Amino acid sequence: MDARELLVDTIAHIRPAHAVEHLTPEDAERRVPGANHSIAEIVAHLNFWAGWFCDRCEGIHAPMVTSAASGWPAVVPGSWPELHARFLTTLHRAVALGDDPGRLASRLIPAIEFPPLANYTIRDAIVHIGTHNAHHLGQVIILRQLMGLWPPPSGSWTW
């Protein structure tokens, strides 16, 4: 597994940085009728979970949230530039975890308290971040399409 290809320089879908590029705070925070979250809220959610998994990979005990809503932090109006920057920084933080192939098979210590994740390795956590991001970045793309903000300036796949 190549963490960079999974998290930053994706091949199977648009790069995460491109999916969220060139959005104003107003556009990122805009609520589209019928959608549960704004782009900024989705990115705050991605930041929360990617940061949580990175902490766990680094041996920092961050307890599992007690409700799904706790993994969706409130977005402060006008905070999009900081959310956007933190998203890119956290992606690179996760890539760095995969830079030492010898550590990828290491189990997370302490183990995650949630039974389905209790045996996770660093590799498992990186894959989890990548698949979770892919799911929610698809939502970001749909929101951008509905707002008429697609494709991004860097372009997109044509199929």
Foldseek 3Di string as FASTA:
>chain_A
DQLCCLQAVDDVFDGPLQLPPPDALCQQQDDDPPDPGGNLQLLQLLLQLLVCLLCQQVQNDDADDPDPVVSRDDDDRPCVVVSSVSSVVSSVSLSVSPPDVVQQCAFGVPAHPDVVRRRHGSVNSSNVSSVSSVVSSVVSNVSCVVVVNPDPPVHTDDD
